N, C-alpha and C. Protein backbone atom coordinates (compact mmCIF):
# COMPACT_ATOMS: atom_id res chain seq x y z
N UNK A 1 7.71 -11.07 -12.11
CA UNK A 1 8.04 -10.28 -13.42
C UNK A 1 9.09 -10.16 -14.34
N UNK A 2 9.42 -11.44 -15.06
CA UNK A 2 11.17 -11.15 -15.46
C UNK A 2 10.88 -9.63 -17.27
N UNK A 3 11.59 -9.10 -17.19
CA UNK A 3 11.67 -7.88 -18.05
C UNK A 3 12.82 -8.46 -18.85
N UNK A 4 12.48 -8.43 -20.67
CA UNK A 4 13.94 -8.96 -21.14
C UNK A 4 15.01 -7.95 -21.66
N UNK A 5 15.86 -7.83 -21.03
CA UNK A 5 17.66 -7.44 -20.77
C UNK A 5 17.52 -6.45 -22.52
N UNK A 6 17.18 -6.94 -23.38
CA UNK A 6 17.35 -6.07 -24.48
C UNK A 6 16.29 -5.06 -24.48
N UNK A 7 14.84 -5.24 -24.30
CA UNK A 7 13.98 -4.48 -23.90
C UNK A 7 14.81 -3.15 -22.93
N UNK A 8 15.22 -3.55 -21.48
CA UNK A 8 15.90 -2.15 -20.60
C UNK A 8 16.84 -1.87 -21.77
N UNK A 9 17.89 -2.32 -22.42
CA UNK A 9 18.76 -1.55 -23.16
C UNK A 9 18.47 -0.65 -23.93
N UNK A 10 17.36 -1.11 -24.64
CA UNK A 10 16.97 0.05 -25.83
C UNK A 10 16.22 1.01 -24.60
N UNK A 11 15.27 1.16 -23.87
CA UNK A 11 15.05 2.18 -23.17
C UNK A 11 15.46 3.40 -22.71
N UNK A 12 17.29 2.56 -22.39
CA UNK A 12 18.54 3.20 -21.84
C UNK A 12 18.54 3.96 -22.75
N UNK A 13 19.00 3.44 -24.17
CA UNK A 13 19.23 4.56 -25.28
C UNK A 13 17.94 5.17 -25.77
N UNK A 14 16.80 5.35 -25.38
CA UNK A 14 16.15 6.53 -25.21
C UNK A 14 14.84 5.67 -26.30
N UNK A 15 14.56 4.23 -26.23
CA UNK A 15 14.19 3.95 -27.49
C UNK A 15 12.03 4.09 -26.90
N UNK A 16 11.24 4.69 -27.67
CA UNK A 16 10.07 5.27 -26.66
C UNK A 16 9.60 4.23 -26.25
N UNK A 17 9.02 3.44 -27.06
CA UNK A 17 7.92 1.62 -27.46
C UNK A 17 9.16 1.15 -25.78
N UNK A 18 10.23 0.94 -25.86
CA UNK A 18 10.54 -0.38 -24.82
C UNK A 18 10.73 0.72 -23.40
N UNK A 19 10.53 1.91 -23.76
CA UNK A 19 10.26 2.99 -22.44
C UNK A 19 8.84 3.13 -22.10
N UNK A 20 8.31 2.34 -22.89
CA UNK A 20 6.49 2.16 -22.45
C UNK A 20 5.84 0.69 -22.63
N UNK A 21 7.09 -0.37 -22.85
CA UNK A 21 6.60 -1.35 -22.54
C UNK A 21 6.61 -1.80 -21.09
N UNK A 22 7.99 -1.12 -20.75
CA UNK A 22 8.19 -1.13 -19.70
C UNK A 22 7.54 -0.62 -18.23
N UNK A 23 6.81 0.47 -19.10
CA UNK A 23 5.48 0.96 -18.17
C UNK A 23 4.55 -0.03 -17.81
N UNK A 24 4.62 -0.50 -19.26
CA UNK A 24 2.94 -1.23 -19.23
C UNK A 24 3.27 -2.36 -18.25
N UNK A 25 4.64 -2.82 -18.71
CA UNK A 25 4.52 -4.21 -17.61
C UNK A 25 4.30 -4.01 -16.22
N UNK A 26 5.07 -2.82 -16.09
CA UNK A 26 5.31 -2.77 -14.62
C UNK A 26 4.30 -1.80 -13.38
N UNK A 27 4.23 -0.50 -14.33
CA UNK A 27 3.08 0.69 -14.00
C UNK A 27 1.70 -0.37 -12.90
N UNK A 28 1.56 -1.38 -12.75
CA UNK A 28 0.35 -1.49 -12.27
C UNK A 28 0.93 -1.73 -10.51
N UNK A 29 2.14 -2.79 -10.44
CA UNK A 29 2.50 -2.93 -9.18
C UNK A 29 3.47 -1.85 -8.36
N UNK A 30 3.41 -1.38 -9.33
CA UNK A 30 4.54 0.10 -8.82
C UNK A 30 3.56 1.21 -8.25
N UNK A 31 2.61 1.54 -9.55
CA UNK A 31 1.46 2.41 -9.25
C UNK A 31 0.74 1.68 -7.71
N UNK A 32 0.12 0.67 -7.50
CA UNK A 32 -0.20 0.47 -6.40
C UNK A 32 0.55 0.09 -4.99
N UNK A 33 1.92 0.22 -4.72
CA UNK A 33 2.52 -0.09 -3.63
C UNK A 33 2.36 2.11 -3.75
N UNK A 34 2.66 2.60 -4.66
CA UNK A 34 3.06 4.28 -4.18
C UNK A 34 1.40 4.91 -3.51
N UNK A 35 0.04 4.04 -4.21
CA UNK A 35 -1.16 4.35 -3.31
C UNK A 35 -1.22 3.90 -2.32
N UNK A 36 -1.18 2.62 -2.05
CA UNK A 36 -1.17 2.53 -0.66
C UNK A 36 0.11 2.76 0.16
N UNK A 37 1.17 3.46 0.04
CA UNK A 37 2.06 4.05 1.02
C UNK A 37 1.47 5.27 1.16
N UNK A 38 0.23 5.89 0.38
CA UNK A 38 0.71 7.64 0.41
C UNK A 38 -0.71 7.75 1.05
N UNK A 39 -1.48 6.74 0.52
CA UNK A 39 -3.46 7.36 0.74
C UNK A 39 -4.51 7.88 -0.13
N UNK A 40 -3.61 8.95 -0.39
CA UNK A 40 -4.61 9.56 -1.08
C UNK A 40 -4.51 9.97 -2.40
N UNK A 41 -5.25 8.91 -3.19
CA UNK A 41 -5.33 9.04 -4.45
C UNK A 41 -4.73 10.19 -5.49
N UNK A 42 -4.70 11.47 -5.49
CA UNK A 42 -4.22 12.63 -5.83
C UNK A 42 -2.98 12.59 -5.50
N UNK A 43 -2.80 13.08 -4.43
CA UNK A 43 -0.88 12.86 -3.71
C UNK A 43 -0.52 11.72 -4.74
N UNK A 44 -0.68 10.31 -4.59
CA UNK A 44 -0.23 9.27 -4.67
C UNK A 44 -0.59 8.74 -6.72
N UNK A 45 -1.06 9.98 -7.30
CA UNK A 45 -0.47 10.20 -8.88
C UNK A 45 0.93 10.90 -8.86
N UNK A 46 0.82 12.29 -8.27
CA UNK A 46 1.53 12.89 -8.75
C UNK A 46 3.03 12.33 -8.23
N UNK A 47 2.82 11.35 -7.21
CA UNK A 47 4.23 10.85 -6.69
C UNK A 47 4.53 9.66 -7.37
N UNK A 48 3.60 8.70 -7.78
CA UNK A 48 3.79 7.63 -8.87
C UNK A 48 4.24 8.41 -10.07
N UNK A 49 4.04 9.52 -11.20
CA UNK A 49 4.32 10.32 -11.50
C UNK A 49 5.80 10.61 -11.96
N UNK A 50 5.94 10.88 -10.35
CA UNK A 50 7.85 11.50 -10.31
C UNK A 50 8.27 9.86 -9.97
N UNK A 51 7.92 8.57 -9.44
CA UNK A 51 8.89 7.43 -8.92
C UNK A 51 8.91 6.87 -10.29
N UNK A 52 7.50 7.24 -11.79
CA UNK A 52 7.92 6.92 -13.07
C UNK A 52 9.34 7.47 -13.82
N UNK A 53 9.38 8.99 -12.95
CA UNK A 53 10.87 9.90 -13.73
C UNK A 53 11.95 8.84 -13.14
N UNK A 54 11.81 9.14 -11.76
CA UNK A 54 12.95 8.56 -11.15
C UNK A 54 13.77 6.92 -11.96
N UNK A 55 12.50 6.04 -12.04
CA UNK A 55 13.14 4.94 -12.78
C UNK A 55 13.49 5.03 -13.82
N UNK A 56 13.04 6.01 -14.79
CA UNK A 56 13.74 6.39 -16.27
C UNK A 56 15.06 6.61 -15.96
N UNK A 57 15.11 7.51 -15.46
CA UNK A 57 16.31 8.29 -14.89
C UNK A 57 17.51 7.57 -14.77
N UNK A 58 17.09 6.75 -13.94
CA UNK A 58 18.04 5.58 -12.91
C UNK A 58 18.63 4.10 -14.17
N UNK A 59 17.42 4.17 -14.78
CA UNK A 59 17.89 2.71 -15.84
C UNK A 59 19.14 2.44 -16.32
N UNK A 60 20.20 3.35 -16.48
CA UNK A 60 21.21 3.36 -16.65
C UNK A 60 22.55 2.49 -15.84
N UNK A 61 21.59 3.01 -14.50
CA UNK A 61 22.66 2.18 -13.35
C UNK A 61 21.99 0.78 -13.23
N UNK A 62 21.13 0.17 -13.84
CA UNK A 62 20.36 -1.21 -13.33
C UNK A 62 21.75 -2.02 -14.17
N UNK A 63 21.62 -2.78 -13.15
CA UNK A 63 22.92 -3.93 -13.39
C UNK A 63 22.75 -4.81 -13.87
N UNK A 64 21.34 -5.37 -13.40
CA UNK A 64 21.24 -6.96 -13.43
C UNK A 64 21.19 -7.62 -12.82
N UNK A 65 21.88 -6.96 -11.03
CA UNK A 65 21.82 -8.12 -9.96
C UNK A 65 20.52 -9.34 -9.77
N UNK A 66 19.02 -7.82 -9.63
CA UNK A 66 18.50 -8.64 -9.56
C UNK A 66 17.44 -8.13 -10.58
N UNK A 67 15.97 -8.70 -10.38
CA UNK A 67 15.09 -8.59 -10.94
C UNK A 67 14.69 -6.94 -11.59
N UNK A 68 14.30 -6.95 -12.85
CA UNK A 68 14.06 -5.47 -12.64
C UNK A 68 13.16 -5.17 -11.91
N UNK A 69 12.10 -5.89 -11.95
CA UNK A 69 11.09 -5.53 -11.33
C UNK A 69 11.18 -4.89 -9.68
N UNK A 70 11.95 -5.69 -9.10
CA UNK A 70 12.48 -5.84 -8.09
C UNK A 70 13.30 -4.60 -7.46
N UNK A 71 14.19 -4.16 -8.67
CA UNK A 71 14.82 -3.29 -8.56
C UNK A 71 14.16 -1.88 -8.61
N UNK A 72 12.75 -2.12 -9.50
CA UNK A 72 11.55 -0.86 -9.60
C UNK A 72 11.33 -0.42 -8.23
N UNK A 73 10.73 -1.56 -7.77
CA UNK A 73 9.63 -1.50 -6.96
C UNK A 73 10.39 -1.14 -5.85
N UNK A 74 11.89 -1.21 -5.37
CA UNK A 74 12.92 -0.54 -4.27
C UNK A 74 12.91 1.17 -5.12
N UNK A 75 12.91 1.48 -5.76
CA UNK A 75 13.06 2.83 -6.81
C UNK A 75 11.82 3.72 -6.39
N UNK A 76 10.58 2.60 -6.50
CA UNK A 76 9.28 3.22 -5.70
C UNK A 76 9.00 3.07 -4.41
N UNK A 77 9.50 2.56 -3.99
CA UNK A 77 9.14 2.74 -2.40
C UNK A 77 10.28 4.41 -1.76
N UNK A 78 11.90 4.24 -2.24
CA UNK A 78 12.26 5.06 -1.75
C UNK A 78 11.98 6.55 -1.64
N UNK A 79 11.29 6.23 -2.89
CA UNK A 79 11.14 7.98 -3.73
C UNK A 79 9.30 8.16 -3.23
N UNK A 80 8.46 7.00 -2.58
CA UNK A 80 7.63 7.34 -2.20
C UNK A 80 7.55 7.49 -0.55
N UNK A 81 8.61 7.50 0.02
CA UNK A 81 9.05 7.49 1.29
C UNK A 81 9.80 8.62 1.90
N UNK A 82 10.66 8.84 0.52
CA UNK A 82 11.49 10.09 0.54
C UNK A 82 10.21 11.22 0.31
N UNK A 83 9.39 11.66 -0.62
CA UNK A 83 8.64 12.35 -0.80
C UNK A 83 7.31 12.20 0.11
N UNK A 84 7.27 11.04 1.15
CA UNK A 84 6.05 11.52 2.41
C UNK A 84 6.90 12.39 2.99
N UNK A 85 8.08 11.90 3.14
CA UNK A 85 8.62 12.61 4.37
C UNK A 85 8.91 14.47 4.35
N UNK A 86 8.97 14.81 2.72
CA UNK A 86 8.95 16.44 2.39
C UNK A 86 7.66 16.87 2.82
N UNK A 87 6.56 16.16 2.19
CA UNK A 87 5.22 16.41 2.60
C UNK A 87 4.54 16.90 4.20
N UNK A 88 5.66 15.64 5.20
CA UNK A 88 5.48 15.67 6.39
C UNK A 88 5.78 17.04 7.31
N UNK A 89 7.35 16.83 6.67
CA UNK A 89 8.23 18.07 7.09
C UNK A 89 7.30 19.24 6.89
N UNK A 90 6.64 19.47 5.62
CA UNK A 90 6.19 20.59 5.53
C UNK A 90 4.77 21.14 5.95
N UNK A 91 4.02 20.12 6.42
CA UNK A 91 2.89 20.31 6.84
C UNK A 91 2.91 19.91 8.54
N UNK A 92 3.36 19.17 9.34
CA UNK A 92 3.82 19.11 10.67
C UNK A 92 2.50 18.92 11.16
N UNK A 93 1.50 18.31 10.49
CA UNK A 93 0.06 18.14 10.96
C UNK A 93 -0.17 16.68 10.91
N UNK A 94 -0.74 16.40 11.89
CA UNK A 94 -1.47 14.95 11.45
C UNK A 94 -3.09 14.67 11.37
N UNK A 95 -3.44 14.36 10.40
CA UNK A 95 -4.82 14.57 10.28
C UNK A 95 -5.52 13.88 11.06
N UNK A 96 -7.51 14.38 11.69
CA UNK A 96 -7.64 13.84 13.01
C UNK A 96 -8.36 12.17 11.91
N UNK A 97 -8.02 11.49 12.80
CA UNK A 97 -9.25 9.96 12.35
C UNK A 97 -10.38 9.80 12.91
N UNK A 98 -11.31 9.23 12.17
CA UNK A 98 -12.15 9.24 12.52
C UNK A 98 -13.19 7.58 13.06
N UNK A 99 -14.19 7.24 13.83
CA UNK A 99 -14.38 6.18 13.23
C UNK A 99 -15.25 6.03 12.95
N UNK A 100 -16.32 6.54 12.34
CA UNK A 100 -16.98 6.08 11.77
C UNK A 100 -17.31 5.03 11.13
N UNK A 101 -18.58 4.13 11.44
CA UNK A 101 -19.00 3.14 10.80
C UNK A 101 -20.19 3.27 10.02
N UNK A 102 -20.27 1.85 9.14
CA UNK A 102 -21.22 1.97 8.48
C UNK A 102 -21.52 0.80 8.71
N UNK A 103 -23.42 0.64 8.10
CA UNK A 103 -24.19 -0.69 8.35
C UNK A 103 -23.87 -1.37 7.11
N UNK A 104 -23.83 -2.76 6.69
CA UNK A 104 -23.14 -3.06 6.04
C UNK A 104 -24.32 -4.19 5.10
N UNK A 105 -25.12 -3.99 4.06
CA UNK A 105 -26.05 -5.14 3.66
C UNK A 105 -25.26 -6.44 3.17
N UNK A 106 -26.30 -7.20 2.81
CA UNK A 106 -25.54 -9.16 2.97
C UNK A 106 -25.26 -8.79 2.14
N UNK A 107 -25.47 -8.02 1.05
CA UNK A 107 -24.53 -9.00 -0.33
C UNK A 107 -23.22 -7.79 -0.67
N UNK A 108 -22.72 -7.98 0.38
CA UNK A 108 -21.01 -7.04 0.00
C UNK A 108 -20.59 -7.69 -1.48
N UNK A 109 -20.19 -6.96 -1.74
CA UNK A 109 -19.34 -7.32 -2.89
C UNK A 109 -17.92 -6.85 -2.62
N UNK A 110 -17.20 -7.50 -3.12
CA UNK A 110 -15.51 -7.55 -3.51
C UNK A 110 -14.75 -6.12 -3.78
N UNK A 111 -16.06 -5.30 -4.71
CA UNK A 111 -15.19 -4.20 -4.56
C UNK A 111 -15.55 -3.46 -3.67
N UNK A 112 -16.92 -3.26 -2.75
CA UNK A 112 -17.37 -2.28 -1.82
C UNK A 112 -15.58 -2.77 -0.70
N UNK A 113 -15.75 -4.09 -0.61
CA UNK A 113 -14.45 -4.48 0.49
C UNK A 113 -13.41 -4.00 0.58
N UNK A 114 -13.14 -4.08 -1.11
CA UNK A 114 -11.60 -3.69 -1.74
C UNK A 114 -11.44 -1.86 -0.51
N UNK A 115 -13.09 -0.89 -1.50
CA UNK A 115 -12.66 0.02 -0.77
C UNK A 115 -12.89 0.38 0.94
N UNK A 116 -13.43 -0.25 1.00
CA UNK A 116 -13.53 -0.15 2.41
C UNK A 116 -11.97 -0.54 3.15
N UNK A 117 -11.67 -1.21 2.90
CA UNK A 117 -10.68 -1.56 3.22
C UNK A 117 -9.25 -0.50 2.75
N UNK A 118 -9.18 -0.26 2.00
CA UNK A 118 -8.37 1.44 1.08
C UNK A 118 -9.12 2.19 2.07
N UNK A 119 -10.11 2.29 2.10
CA UNK A 119 -10.70 3.91 3.23
C UNK A 119 -10.17 3.64 4.45
N UNK A 120 -10.03 2.51 4.97
CA UNK A 120 -9.71 2.55 6.39
C UNK A 120 -8.23 2.71 6.98
N UNK A 121 -7.07 2.04 5.48
CA UNK A 121 -5.72 2.27 5.66
C UNK A 121 -5.61 3.75 5.74
N UNK A 122 -6.46 4.47 4.53
CA UNK A 122 -5.99 5.76 4.21
C UNK A 122 -6.33 6.61 5.79
N UNK A 123 -7.09 6.03 6.61
CA UNK A 123 -7.42 6.94 7.93
C UNK A 123 -6.32 6.41 8.62
N UNK A 124 -5.76 5.70 9.02
CA UNK A 124 -4.50 5.04 9.62
C UNK A 124 -3.64 6.87 10.18
N UNK A 125 -2.84 6.62 10.55
CA UNK A 125 -1.74 8.11 10.71
C UNK A 125 -0.32 7.43 9.61
N UNK A 126 0.20 8.23 8.86
CA UNK A 126 0.76 8.65 7.93
C UNK A 126 2.32 7.12 9.02
N UNK A 127 2.13 7.40 9.86
CA UNK A 127 3.85 6.33 10.08
C UNK A 127 3.15 4.74 10.09
N UNK A 128 2.10 4.77 11.43
CA UNK A 128 1.40 3.10 11.21
C UNK A 128 0.80 3.03 9.42
N UNK A 129 0.60 4.15 8.66
CA UNK A 129 -0.02 3.12 7.46
C UNK A 129 1.10 3.05 7.07
N UNK A 130 2.54 3.67 6.69
CA UNK A 130 3.32 3.00 5.63
C UNK A 130 4.12 1.93 6.33
N UNK A 131 4.16 1.61 8.08
CA UNK A 131 4.46 0.08 8.60
C UNK A 131 3.73 -0.76 8.39
N UNK A 132 2.54 -0.75 8.47
CA UNK A 132 1.36 -1.66 7.49
C UNK A 132 1.76 -1.89 6.30
N UNK A 133 1.94 -1.14 5.39
CA UNK A 133 2.06 -1.69 3.81
C UNK A 133 3.15 -2.03 3.88
N UNK A 134 3.95 -1.46 4.39
CA UNK A 134 5.77 -1.82 4.03
C UNK A 134 5.96 -3.55 4.67
N UNK A 135 5.08 -3.83 5.75
CA UNK A 135 4.99 -4.90 6.85
C UNK A 135 4.06 -6.19 5.72
N UNK A 136 2.88 -5.81 6.29
CA UNK A 136 1.74 -6.81 6.14
C UNK A 136 1.55 -6.71 4.68
N UNK A 137 1.79 -5.73 3.40
CA UNK A 137 1.24 -5.81 2.10
C UNK A 137 2.89 -6.07 1.26
N UNK A 138 3.69 -5.27 1.49
CA UNK A 138 4.95 -5.83 0.69
C UNK A 138 5.74 -6.70 0.77
N UNK A 139 5.65 -7.56 2.99
CA UNK A 139 6.38 -8.22 3.00
C UNK A 139 7.58 -8.31 3.90
N UNK A 140 8.36 -6.61 3.68
CA UNK A 140 9.06 -5.89 4.54
C UNK A 140 9.41 -6.28 5.78
N UNK A 141 11.02 -7.44 6.32
CA UNK A 141 11.01 -7.71 7.98
C UNK A 141 10.48 -6.05 8.69
N UNK A 142 10.59 -5.87 9.84
CA UNK A 142 10.43 -5.17 10.56
C UNK A 142 12.04 -4.16 10.58
N UNK A 143 13.31 -5.14 10.56
CA UNK A 143 14.42 -5.09 10.67
C UNK A 143 15.00 -3.54 9.25
N UNK A 144 14.06 -4.53 7.86
CA UNK A 144 13.99 -3.47 6.69
C UNK A 144 13.22 -2.73 7.23
N UNK A 145 12.23 -2.28 7.90
CA UNK A 145 11.61 -0.98 7.84
C UNK A 145 12.21 0.05 8.27
N UNK A 146 12.71 -0.35 9.59
CA UNK A 146 13.45 0.00 10.84
C UNK A 146 14.75 0.97 9.97
N UNK A 147 15.82 0.33 9.03
CA UNK A 147 16.86 0.49 8.78
C UNK A 147 15.89 1.94 7.64
N UNK A 148 14.99 1.24 6.69
CA UNK A 148 14.25 1.76 5.59
C UNK A 148 13.90 3.73 6.42
N UNK A 149 13.16 3.22 7.72
CA UNK A 149 12.43 4.45 8.14
C UNK A 149 13.26 5.71 9.10
N UNK A 150 14.45 4.70 9.60
CA UNK A 150 15.23 5.46 10.76
C UNK A 150 14.84 5.37 11.96
N UNK A 151 13.91 3.92 12.22
CA UNK A 151 13.55 4.29 13.29
C UNK A 151 14.19 2.57 14.07
N UNK A 152 13.42 2.28 14.87
CA UNK A 152 13.86 0.86 15.92
C UNK A 152 13.20 -0.15 15.35
N UNK A 153 13.38 -1.42 15.15
CA UNK A 153 12.49 -2.11 15.06
C UNK A 153 11.24 -2.59 15.88
N UNK A 154 11.75 -1.95 16.82
CA UNK A 154 10.43 -1.87 18.54
C UNK A 154 9.65 -1.11 17.40
N UNK A 155 9.86 -0.01 17.44
CA UNK A 155 9.32 1.23 16.82
C UNK A 155 8.39 0.78 15.80
N UNK A 156 9.00 0.06 14.98
CA UNK A 156 7.99 -0.82 13.82
C UNK A 156 7.10 -1.68 13.88
N UNK A 157 7.62 -2.11 15.01
CA UNK A 157 6.16 -3.35 15.56
C UNK A 157 5.74 -2.47 16.65
N UNK A 158 5.61 -1.26 17.27
CA UNK A 158 4.51 -0.47 18.22
C UNK A 158 3.63 -0.41 16.69
N UNK A 159 4.08 0.46 15.63
CA UNK A 159 3.64 1.26 14.75
C UNK A 159 2.56 -0.01 14.04
N UNK A 160 3.26 -1.46 13.44
CA UNK A 160 2.27 -1.95 13.39
C UNK A 160 1.03 -2.75 14.07
N UNK A 161 1.24 -2.49 15.46
CA UNK A 161 0.62 -3.19 16.33
C UNK A 161 -0.61 -2.30 16.04
N UNK A 162 -0.51 -1.18 16.28
CA UNK A 162 -1.14 0.51 16.11
C UNK A 162 -2.44 -0.14 15.21
N UNK A 163 -1.40 0.15 13.70
CA UNK A 163 -2.05 -0.09 12.60
C UNK A 163 -3.32 -0.90 12.77
N UNK A 164 -3.02 -2.61 13.16
CA UNK A 164 -3.78 -3.50 12.80
C UNK A 164 -4.67 -3.50 14.36
N UNK A 165 -4.71 -2.79 15.12
CA UNK A 165 -5.89 -2.46 15.84
C UNK A 165 -7.13 -1.52 15.37
N UNK A 166 -6.17 -0.47 14.47
CA UNK A 166 -7.06 0.41 14.46
C UNK A 166 -7.89 0.22 13.49
N UNK A 167 -7.21 -0.40 12.01
CA UNK A 167 -8.30 -1.16 11.23
C UNK A 167 -9.05 -2.07 11.65
N UNK A 168 -9.12 -2.94 12.69
CA UNK A 168 -9.68 -4.14 13.71
C UNK A 168 -10.83 -3.20 13.75
N UNK A 169 -10.71 -2.39 14.51
CA UNK A 169 -11.84 -1.13 14.78
C UNK A 169 -13.06 -0.76 13.52
N UNK A 170 -11.91 0.04 12.77
CA UNK A 170 -12.32 0.72 11.21
C UNK A 170 -13.32 -0.43 10.40
N UNK A 171 -12.86 -1.58 10.55
CA UNK A 171 -13.56 -2.46 9.76
C UNK A 171 -14.54 -4.14 10.46
N UNK A 172 -14.73 -3.48 11.42
CA UNK A 172 -15.10 -4.45 12.64
C UNK A 172 -16.42 -4.55 11.80
N UNK A 173 -17.22 -3.51 11.27
CA UNK A 173 -18.81 -2.97 10.77
C UNK A 173 -18.62 -4.52 9.81
N UNK A 174 -17.69 -4.93 9.17
CA UNK A 174 -17.60 -5.70 7.78
C UNK A 174 -17.38 -7.39 8.23
N UNK A 175 -16.93 -7.53 9.24
CA UNK A 175 -17.43 -8.75 9.81
C UNK A 175 -18.44 -9.24 10.64
N UNK A 176 -19.74 -10.27 10.78
CA UNK A 176 -20.49 -10.83 11.35
C UNK A 176 -19.80 -11.37 11.93
N UNK A 177 -19.27 -11.25 13.52
CA UNK A 177 -19.21 -12.05 14.77
C UNK A 177 -19.77 -13.03 15.47
N UNK A 178 -20.97 -11.43 15.63
CA UNK A 178 -22.33 -12.91 16.11
C UNK A 178 -23.20 -13.45 15.58
N UNK A 179 -23.94 -14.46 15.99
CA UNK A 179 -23.86 -15.90 15.70
C UNK A 179 -25.92 -15.62 15.16
N UNK A 180 -26.33 -15.74 14.56
CA UNK A 180 -27.53 -15.25 13.91
C UNK A 180 -28.45 -15.77 15.06
N UNK A 181 -29.28 -15.77 15.70
CA UNK A 181 -30.09 -16.07 16.59
C UNK A 181 -31.38 -16.46 15.99
N UNK A 182 -31.57 -17.84 16.99
CA UNK A 182 -32.62 -18.23 16.68
C UNK A 182 -34.17 -18.18 16.29
N UNK A 183 -34.99 -17.63 15.51
CA UNK A 183 -36.54 -17.37 15.80
C UNK A 183 -36.74 -18.34 16.54
N UNK A 184 -38.13 -18.72 17.15
CA UNK A 184 -39.05 -18.89 18.24
C UNK A 184 -39.58 -19.83 16.70
N UNK A 185 -40.23 -19.35 16.01
CA UNK A 185 -40.53 -20.32 14.75
C UNK A 185 -39.77 -22.10 14.07
N UNK A 186 -38.45 -21.19 14.45
CA UNK A 186 -37.14 -21.79 13.89
C UNK A 186 -37.15 -23.22 14.36
N UNK A 187 -37.44 -23.40 16.13
CA UNK A 187 -37.57 -24.35 17.28
C UNK A 187 -39.13 -25.15 16.62
N UNK A 188 -38.60 -25.95 16.85
CA UNK A 188 -39.72 -27.27 17.06
C UNK A 188 -40.26 -27.77 18.50
N UNK A 189 -41.52 -27.97 18.59
CA UNK A 189 -41.44 -28.34 20.00
C UNK A 189 -41.32 -30.02 20.34
N UNK A 190 -41.30 -30.42 20.75
CA UNK A 190 -41.54 -31.99 20.91
C UNK A 190 -42.44 -32.45 21.87
N UNK A 191 -43.42 -31.45 22.30
CA UNK A 191 -44.30 -31.48 23.78
C UNK A 191 -44.70 -32.67 22.71
């Protein structure tokens, strides 16, 4: 999504309409990556607000070497990861993950499926969730994740493996892997 450099220049100069235009154009993607990385909707809303403050403060440093959306996305990821590190340092505890499963009706709609996936992702440990979102959702390489999080690429791969395995278990109830058994009434006899 390209953003007009004139709009950015106007925003740098404090034009509220330009700032609002940037926010309207880019908030859905920026806020979505924050929500996926954080997991908790309330905490994500707080961090997203901090992200936007950081983006607006950093506007004068945007050189135009990359798309504005790419630049803002990078700030969002970095600011979110920093906020999560701070939260983890303060908490120093990991929540217990529950392996609850839910029976699903045959009329499963997209909203329910999306909510189920979001809920399952929130149940991942913070490290596994971060690597999963960065790799499988945002498209980062293991090397980029390793550099960003201060871990090895092998550690990133391990976290991703664990995240995917946990998600398979948590979402197994959504996939009907068994083939339906045929009723005796459906089978016609040739006798």
